[in-house]
Amino acid sequence: MRFALLLCMAVAALQPAFAATAEDSVTAALGQRLFPVVAAMDRSQANVKVRSMLAERDRRLAACAEDAACKVDASVWKEHEMGLVAQMAAADGTSAEARERRDAVIRELVGLNAVLEVYGKGGTPRYPQIDGPIGKQGSRRLAADVAVAASISELGREEAVAAFDPSIGLALALLDANERLDAIAFEPLDGGLNSDAFQHARGLDWSRYRYTAIIVLGAGPEDLLTPLSARGKLHVKVAAQRYFSGLAPFIIVSGAAVHPRGTRSVEAVEMRRALIERYRVPAHAIAIEPYARHTTTNLRNAARLLMAMKAPMDRDALVLSDPPHIDAVESAEFVARNRRELGYQPGSVGERTSSFDIVFRPSPDSARVDPLDPLDP
């Protein structure tokens, strides 16, 4: 009897102390960044129509068996399916809150479909020179990456980020398989290289300055070996002069790892380094915005950063770049491009104060998340 008891205890000691899901923290962070509303939805709390629709999507996916390309097609959200989820999301709250949640669901699911199209099928992204999968459409590399992503997403079916619908996990796995985790590369943005600036902003008297920040637009090099382009060096020099003249408490350097495709040099990080090492600008006066891939998102993301730093949104910032770039920011085409690509204006462009500078009043609309660009939502 004693031997049997000891044997049972030994066997029990070999068993896991608890059973838990092996959650991928990177995938979870990416899902929360790209699909904050949809990924947080509780499938068990969905209404009958939504549960029925999700069950049909599950059957559609199961019919694919081990066919990865079929799984990509089966995961695409149809218009009426989006409508049902959006309607459910808008069921509670004030009319304004309901409208905001409904619109967010549609944006997120349209963005999810775009990830499936571009990274799952090799479709053409908005900017094919700098975006898109590693493998080309129809290539063995693309097919292999899609197969791996399908396996990863299947193994992650029980993870919280994909609990509402497996398509979320597949979209995230496709980005992961293509090394496209850009959207979370510098999170949390108030830490790391920005920790000093955020700390400085907490006790700042913003009224002492003419502008809340000098927003410096990036300019990527044309080769993989150059960390900071000649234009970038020009921008940095002018920014340092503006800062030391006392115009603003902060320099926001904006730009991701964009040009050329495959570069590891992040424009914002390289400009920050030059400001500190070459011009002795204090680190607490520089905030990096390392996600923007276009001029539209340079301004949108700078507006987001200013909101996060608790800057007064009824005050102007100063946008700085080379003269041709500022010409473009000042143009009617830029207004149209914002409307076309963002769906709103990230702020209002004002007076041209020099060939290098133009006034910018950020808009709270810039807080809107849009995974149509999954590298910078």
Protein backbone atom coordinates (compact mmCIF):
# COMPACT_ATOMS: atom_id res chain seq x y z
CA MET A 1 0.00 0.00 0.00
CA ARG A 2 2.81 2.36 0.95
CA PHE A 3 4.64 1.51 -2.30
CA ALA A 4 1.52 2.18 -4.37
CA LEU A 5 1.03 5.55 -2.66
CA LEU A 6 4.64 6.53 -3.32
CA LEU A 7 4.30 5.46 -6.95
CA CYS A 8 1.19 7.59 -7.41
CA MET A 9 2.95 10.57 -5.86
CA ALA A 10 5.93 10.10 -8.19
CA VAL A 11 3.70 9.92 -11.27
CA ALA A 12 1.80 13.01 -10.13
CA ALA A 13 5.07 14.88 -9.72
CA LEU A 14 5.86 14.22 -13.38
CA GLN A 15 2.59 15.76 -14.54
CA PRO A 16 2.35 19.46 -15.47
CA ALA A 17 1.31 21.64 -12.54
CA PHE A 18 -1.27 23.30 -14.76
CA ALA A 19 -2.50 23.32 -18.35
CA ALA A 20 -2.27 26.59 -20.23
CA THR A 21 -2.18 27.88 -23.79
CA ALA A 22 1.26 28.78 -25.13
CA GLU A 23 0.42 32.37 -26.04
CA ASP A 24 2.69 34.11 -28.56
CA SER A 25 3.30 37.55 -27.05
CA VAL A 26 4.50 39.00 -30.37
CA THR A 27 1.40 37.87 -32.25
CA ALA A 28 -0.79 39.12 -29.42
CA ALA A 29 0.83 42.56 -29.51
CA LEU A 30 0.54 42.73 -33.30
CA GLY A 31 -3.12 41.73 -33.19
CA GLN A 32 -3.93 44.37 -30.59
CA ARG A 33 -2.11 46.96 -32.71
CA LEU A 34 -3.77 46.11 -36.03
CA PHE A 35 -7.22 44.89 -34.97
CA PRO A 36 -7.89 46.40 -31.53
CA VAL A 37 -11.69 46.22 -31.75
CA VAL A 38 -12.24 42.93 -33.59
CA ALA A 39 -9.52 40.99 -31.73
CA ALA A 40 -11.07 42.03 -28.41
CA MET A 41 -14.55 40.74 -29.32
CA ASP A 42 -15.94 37.82 -27.34
CA ARG A 43 -17.32 35.14 -29.62
CA SER A 44 -19.31 33.57 -26.81
CA GLN A 45 -21.18 36.84 -26.28
CA ALA A 46 -22.10 37.31 -29.95
CA ASN A 47 -25.75 37.37 -30.98
CA VAL A 48 -27.38 34.45 -32.79
CA LYS A 49 -26.83 35.87 -36.29
CA VAL A 50 -23.15 36.49 -35.68
CA ARG A 51 -22.60 33.08 -34.07
CA SER A 52 -24.30 31.41 -37.03
CA MET A 53 -22.17 33.38 -39.48
CA LEU A 54 -18.95 32.53 -37.60
CA ALA A 55 -19.92 28.85 -37.53
CA GLU A 56 -20.39 28.95 -41.30
CA ARG A 57 -16.94 30.52 -41.65
CA ASP A 58 -15.52 27.70 -39.50
CA ARG A 59 -17.11 25.11 -41.82
CA ARG A 60 -15.73 26.92 -44.84
CA LEU A 61 -12.25 26.78 -43.32
CA ALA A 62 -12.54 23.14 -42.23
CA ALA A 63 -13.48 22.11 -45.78
CA CYS A 64 -10.02 23.22 -46.92
CA ALA A 65 -8.36 20.44 -44.90
CA GLU A 66 -4.59 20.97 -45.41
CA ASP A 67 -4.86 23.27 -48.46
CA ALA A 68 -3.20 26.52 -47.32
CA ALA A 69 -4.25 28.57 -50.36
CA CYS A 70 -7.84 27.45 -49.81
CA LYS A 71 -7.59 28.58 -46.18
CA VAL A 72 -6.57 32.06 -47.30
CA ASP A 73 -9.59 32.25 -49.62
CA ALA A 74 -11.91 30.86 -46.94
CA SER A 75 -10.69 33.45 -44.43
CA VAL A 76 -11.64 36.46 -46.54
CA TRP A 77 -14.47 38.45 -45.00
CA LYS A 78 -17.52 38.94 -47.19
CA GLU A 79 -19.39 42.22 -47.11
CA HIS A 80 -22.46 40.86 -45.35
CA GLU A 81 -20.25 39.16 -42.73
CA MET A 82 -18.51 42.46 -42.00
CA GLY A 83 -21.90 44.10 -41.71
CA LEU A 84 -23.10 41.64 -39.08
CA VAL A 85 -20.00 42.12 -36.92
CA ALA A 86 -20.16 45.90 -37.31
CA GLN A 87 -23.82 45.88 -36.33
CA MET A 88 -23.02 43.86 -33.21
CA ALA A 89 -20.19 46.22 -32.28
CA ALA A 90 -22.51 49.20 -32.58
CA ALA A 91 -25.22 47.75 -30.35
CA ASP A 92 -24.14 49.56 -27.17
CA GLY A 93 -23.20 53.10 -26.19
CA THR A 94 -24.15 56.51 -27.51
CA SER A 95 -24.84 57.05 -31.20
CA ALA A 96 -21.39 58.59 -31.66
CA GLU A 97 -19.67 55.69 -29.89
CA ALA A 98 -21.72 53.18 -31.87
CA ARG A 99 -20.79 54.84 -35.15
CA GLU A 100 -17.13 54.91 -34.17
CA ARG A 101 -17.08 51.21 -33.25
CA ARG A 102 -18.99 50.24 -36.38
CA ASP A 103 -16.57 52.16 -38.59
CA ALA A 104 -13.60 50.68 -36.70
CA VAL A 105 -14.82 47.13 -37.33
CA ILE A 106 -15.21 47.78 -41.05
CA ARG A 107 -11.75 49.36 -41.28
CA GLU A 108 -10.16 46.48 -39.41
CA LEU A 109 -11.83 43.75 -41.46
CA VAL A 110 -11.09 45.52 -44.74
CA GLY A 111 -7.50 45.78 -43.56
CA LEU A 112 -7.47 42.09 -42.61
CA ASN A 113 -8.71 41.21 -46.10
CA ALA A 114 -5.90 43.32 -47.56
CA VAL A 115 -3.32 41.35 -45.56
CA LEU A 116 -4.78 38.09 -46.90
CA GLU A 117 -4.75 39.43 -50.46
CA VAL A 118 -1.21 40.83 -50.41
CA TYR A 119 0.64 38.42 -48.12
CA GLY A 120 -1.53 35.34 -48.72
CA LYS A 121 -2.03 35.60 -52.47
CA GLY A 122 0.80 37.87 -53.60
CA GLY A 123 -1.53 40.70 -54.57
CA THR A 124 -0.19 44.17 -55.30
CA PRO A 125 0.11 46.44 -52.25
CA ARG A 126 -0.50 50.18 -52.46
CA TYR A 127 3.25 50.84 -52.64
CA PRO A 128 4.82 47.76 -54.28
CA GLN A 129 8.34 49.23 -54.29
CA ILE A 130 8.54 49.11 -50.50
CA ASP A 131 5.71 46.83 -49.32
CA GLY A 132 4.49 43.30 -49.90
CA PRO A 133 5.59 39.70 -49.27
CA ILE A 134 9.07 38.27 -49.71
CA GLY A 135 7.94 35.79 -52.36
CA LYS A 136 6.37 36.98 -55.60
CA GLN A 137 2.93 35.94 -56.75
CA GLY A 138 3.01 32.36 -58.03
CA SER A 139 6.46 31.65 -56.59
CA ARG A 140 7.49 28.64 -54.54
CA ARG A 141 8.64 30.98 -51.79
CA LEU A 142 5.19 32.55 -51.46
CA ALA A 143 3.47 29.15 -51.43
CA ALA A 144 5.91 27.88 -48.79
CA ASP A 145 5.43 30.93 -46.58
CA VAL A 146 1.64 30.69 -46.86
CA ALA A 147 1.78 27.01 -45.89
CA VAL A 148 3.91 27.80 -42.84
CA ALA A 149 1.61 30.67 -41.86
CA ALA A 150 -1.43 28.38 -42.14
CA SER A 151 0.25 25.87 -39.82
CA ILE A 152 1.20 28.59 -37.33
CA SER A 153 -2.33 29.97 -37.27
CA GLU A 154 -3.83 26.49 -36.85
CA LEU A 155 -1.58 25.85 -33.86
CA GLY A 156 -2.64 29.20 -32.42
CA ARG A 157 -6.40 28.68 -32.72
CA GLU A 158 -6.80 28.72 -28.93
CA GLU A 159 -4.83 31.93 -28.40
CA ALA A 160 -6.84 34.91 -27.21
CA VAL A 161 -5.96 37.20 -30.12
CA ALA A 162 -7.53 34.80 -32.64
CA ALA A 163 -10.43 33.62 -30.48
CA PHE A 164 -13.11 35.60 -32.33
CA ASP A 165 -12.22 34.22 -35.77
CA PRO A 166 -9.26 32.20 -37.14
CA SER A 167 -8.74 34.73 -39.94
CA ILE A 168 -7.12 37.06 -37.41
CA GLY A 169 -4.49 34.47 -36.55
CA LEU A 170 -3.86 33.70 -40.23
CA ALA A 171 -3.37 37.36 -41.14
CA LEU A 172 -0.93 37.82 -38.26
CA ALA A 173 0.95 34.63 -39.16
CA LEU A 174 1.30 35.78 -42.78
CA LEU A 175 2.89 39.03 -41.63
CA ASP A 176 5.15 37.15 -39.23
CA ALA A 177 6.25 34.69 -41.94
CA ASN A 178 7.28 37.64 -44.10
CA GLU A 179 9.18 39.43 -41.33
CA ARG A 180 6.65 42.27 -41.40
CA LEU A 181 6.35 43.04 -37.70
CA ASP A 182 7.10 46.72 -38.31
CA ALA A 183 3.92 47.89 -36.59
CA ILE A 184 5.16 46.87 -33.13
CA ALA A 185 8.92 47.29 -33.55
CA PHE A 186 9.16 50.20 -31.10
CA GLU A 187 6.36 49.51 -28.65
CA PRO A 188 5.71 50.90 -26.14
CA LEU A 189 6.43 54.19 -27.87
CA ASP A 190 6.71 56.10 -24.59
CA GLY A 191 9.63 53.89 -23.56
CA GLY A 192 13.01 53.10 -25.05
CA LEU A 193 14.48 55.99 -27.02
CA ASN A 194 11.45 58.13 -26.13
CA SER A 195 11.50 57.66 -22.36
CA ASP A 196 13.48 60.86 -21.68
CA ALA A 197 11.24 62.96 -23.92
CA PHE A 198 8.03 61.66 -22.34
CA GLN A 199 9.45 62.26 -18.89
CA HIS A 200 10.39 65.82 -19.88
CA ALA A 201 6.91 66.45 -21.30
CA ARG A 202 5.18 65.63 -18.01
CA GLY A 203 6.26 68.80 -16.25
CA LEU A 204 6.53 71.06 -19.29
CA ASP A 205 4.99 74.53 -19.55
CA TRP A 206 3.99 74.36 -23.23
CA SER A 207 2.95 78.01 -23.27
CA ARG A 208 6.60 79.09 -23.16
CA TYR A 209 7.10 78.00 -26.77
CA ARG A 210 5.81 79.19 -30.11
CA TYR A 211 5.35 75.62 -31.38
CA THR A 212 4.69 72.34 -29.60
CA ALA A 213 7.30 70.54 -31.70
CA ILE A 214 9.48 70.69 -34.77
CA ILE A 215 8.38 67.73 -36.90
CA VAL A 216 11.26 66.59 -39.11
CA LEU A 217 10.29 64.49 -42.13
CA GLY A 218 12.55 61.59 -43.04
CA ALA A 219 14.26 61.02 -46.38
CA GLY A 220 15.56 57.52 -46.91
CA PRO A 221 18.80 56.70 -48.74
CA GLU A 222 18.82 54.85 -52.07
CA ASP A 223 21.16 52.05 -50.98
CA LEU A 224 21.36 49.55 -48.12
CA LEU A 225 24.71 50.76 -46.79
CA THR A 226 23.90 54.43 -46.13
CA PRO A 227 22.19 54.95 -42.75
CA LEU A 228 21.27 58.64 -43.24
CA SER A 229 20.79 60.19 -46.67
CA ALA A 230 22.20 63.55 -47.74
CA ARG A 231 18.67 64.99 -47.58
CA GLY A 232 18.30 63.54 -44.09
CA LYS A 233 21.48 65.31 -43.03
CA LEU A 234 20.10 68.57 -44.40
CA HIS A 235 16.86 68.12 -42.45
CA VAL A 236 18.79 67.43 -39.26
CA LYS A 237 20.96 70.53 -39.61
CA VAL A 238 17.98 72.83 -40.10
CA ALA A 239 16.13 71.13 -37.22
CA ALA A 240 19.04 71.70 -34.85
CA GLN A 241 19.13 75.39 -35.78
CA ARG A 242 15.39 75.72 -35.20
CA TYR A 243 15.61 73.95 -31.85
CA PHE A 244 18.46 76.07 -30.50
CA SER A 245 16.60 79.22 -31.54
CA GLY A 246 13.99 78.24 -28.93
CA LEU A 247 11.02 77.68 -31.25
CA ALA A 248 9.85 74.42 -29.64
CA PRO A 249 10.63 72.15 -26.69
CA PHE A 250 10.85 69.02 -28.84
CA ILE A 251 12.08 67.76 -32.16
CA ILE A 252 9.98 64.89 -33.50
CA VAL A 253 11.97 62.92 -36.08
CA SER A 254 9.62 60.90 -38.28
CA GLY A 255 10.34 57.98 -40.59
CA ALA A 256 10.50 54.18 -40.61
CA ALA A 257 12.83 51.67 -42.30
CA VAL A 258 11.43 52.33 -45.76
CA HIS A 259 13.91 53.09 -48.54
CA PRO A 260 15.29 51.06 -50.15
CA ARG A 261 13.20 47.95 -49.65
CA GLY A 262 14.86 45.65 -47.13
CA THR A 263 16.77 48.38 -45.32
CA ARG A 264 17.31 48.04 -41.58
CA SER A 265 18.05 51.75 -41.14
CA VAL A 266 15.15 53.53 -39.45
CA GLU A 267 15.04 57.16 -40.56
CA ALA A 268 13.85 58.48 -37.20
CA VAL A 269 16.55 56.62 -35.27
CA GLU A 270 19.33 57.79 -37.60
CA MET A 271 18.16 61.41 -37.44
CA ARG A 272 18.02 61.21 -33.65
CA ARG A 273 21.56 59.86 -33.56
CA ALA A 274 22.81 62.70 -35.77
CA LEU A 275 21.05 65.36 -33.69
CA ILE A 276 22.68 64.07 -30.50
CA GLU A 277 26.14 63.21 -31.80
CA ARG A 278 26.67 66.02 -34.31
CA TYR A 279 24.67 68.89 -32.82
CA ARG A 280 24.51 68.04 -29.11
CA VAL A 281 20.72 68.29 -28.96
CA PRO A 282 19.75 66.78 -25.57
CA ALA A 283 18.07 63.37 -25.72
CA HIS A 284 15.10 64.61 -23.67
CA ALA A 285 14.31 67.09 -26.46
CA ILE A 286 13.99 64.43 -29.18
CA ALA A 287 11.05 62.08 -29.73
CA ILE A 288 11.23 59.44 -32.43
CA GLU A 289 8.25 58.55 -34.59
CA PRO A 290 9.65 55.38 -36.20
CA TYR A 291 6.61 54.05 -38.09
CA ALA A 292 5.70 56.53 -40.85
CA ARG A 293 6.29 55.26 -44.38
CA HIS A 294 4.81 58.21 -46.29
CA THR A 295 4.37 61.96 -45.87
CA THR A 296 0.70 61.48 -45.03
CA THR A 297 1.58 59.25 -42.11
CA ASN A 298 4.54 61.42 -41.08
CA LEU A 299 1.98 64.04 -40.09
CA ARG A 300 -0.63 61.60 -38.79
CA ASN A 301 1.84 59.79 -36.56
CA ALA A 302 3.42 63.01 -35.31
CA ALA A 303 -0.07 64.13 -34.30
CA ARG A 304 -0.54 60.84 -32.42
CA LEU A 305 2.78 61.29 -30.67
CA LEU A 306 1.90 64.83 -29.60
CA MET A 307 -1.40 63.55 -28.19
CA ALA A 308 0.45 60.84 -26.27
CA MET A 309 2.83 63.46 -24.87
CA LYS A 310 -0.19 65.52 -23.70
CA ALA A 311 0.72 68.47 -25.91
CA PRO A 312 -2.07 71.05 -26.26
CA MET A 313 -3.91 70.21 -29.46
CA ASP A 314 -5.03 73.80 -29.96
CA ARG A 315 -1.43 74.81 -30.62
CA ASP A 316 0.63 74.64 -33.81
CA ALA A 317 3.65 72.49 -34.61
CA LEU A 318 6.25 73.25 -37.27
CA VAL A 319 6.87 70.75 -40.08
CA LEU A 320 10.39 70.77 -41.51
CA SER A 321 11.89 69.23 -44.64
CA ASP A 322 13.67 70.26 -47.85
CA PRO A 323 11.90 72.85 -50.06
CA PRO A 324 10.48 70.44 -52.69
CA HIS A 325 9.05 68.26 -49.94
CA ILE A 326 7.42 71.22 -48.20
CA ASP A 327 6.06 72.32 -51.59
CA ALA A 328 4.28 68.97 -51.74
CA VAL A 329 2.90 69.30 -48.19
CA GLU A 330 1.55 72.74 -49.11
CA SER A 331 -0.17 71.53 -52.28
CA ALA A 332 -3.83 70.77 -52.97
CA GLU A 333 -2.74 67.31 -54.09
CA PHE A 334 -1.54 66.56 -50.57
CA VAL A 335 -5.00 67.37 -49.22
CA ALA A 336 -6.51 65.03 -51.81
CA ARG A 337 -3.96 62.33 -51.02
CA ASN A 338 -4.78 62.47 -47.31
CA ARG A 339 -8.45 62.11 -48.12
CA ARG A 340 -7.75 59.23 -50.49
CA GLU A 341 -5.29 57.27 -48.33
CA LEU A 342 -6.32 58.16 -44.77
CA GLY A 343 -9.94 59.16 -45.24
CA TYR A 344 -9.42 62.44 -43.34
CA GLN A 345 -6.90 65.25 -42.81
CA PRO A 346 -4.28 64.54 -40.09
CA GLY A 347 -4.36 68.25 -39.36
CA SER A 348 -4.46 71.61 -41.06
CA VAL A 349 -1.48 72.99 -42.94
CA GLY A 350 -0.93 76.70 -42.39
CA GLU A 351 1.61 79.40 -43.16
CA ARG A 352 4.86 78.67 -44.96
CA THR A 353 7.39 80.28 -42.62
CA SER A 354 10.47 79.57 -44.77
CA SER A 355 11.48 77.39 -47.70
CA PHE A 356 12.11 74.59 -45.16
CA ASP A 357 9.15 75.04 -42.79
CA ILE A 358 5.38 75.08 -42.72
CA VAL A 359 2.92 75.43 -39.83
CA PHE A 360 0.78 72.41 -38.93
CA ARG A 361 -2.15 72.13 -36.50
CA PRO A 362 -2.63 68.42 -35.63
CA SER A 363 -6.10 66.86 -35.57
CA PRO A 364 -7.42 64.32 -33.03
CA ASP A 365 -8.77 62.38 -36.03
CA SER A 366 -5.23 61.06 -36.42
CA ALA A 367 -5.82 58.61 -33.57
CA ARG A 368 -7.91 56.42 -35.87
CA VAL A 369 -6.32 52.98 -36.42
CA ASP A 370 -6.35 51.62 -39.99
CA PRO A 371 -4.66 48.27 -40.74
CA LEU A 372 -5.03 48.78 -44.49
CA ASP A 373 -1.32 49.49 -44.10
CA PRO A 374 -0.40 46.67 -41.69
CA LEU A 375 3.15 47.98 -41.28
CA ASP A 376 1.91 51.32 -39.93
CA PRO A 377 -1.75 51.23 -38.93
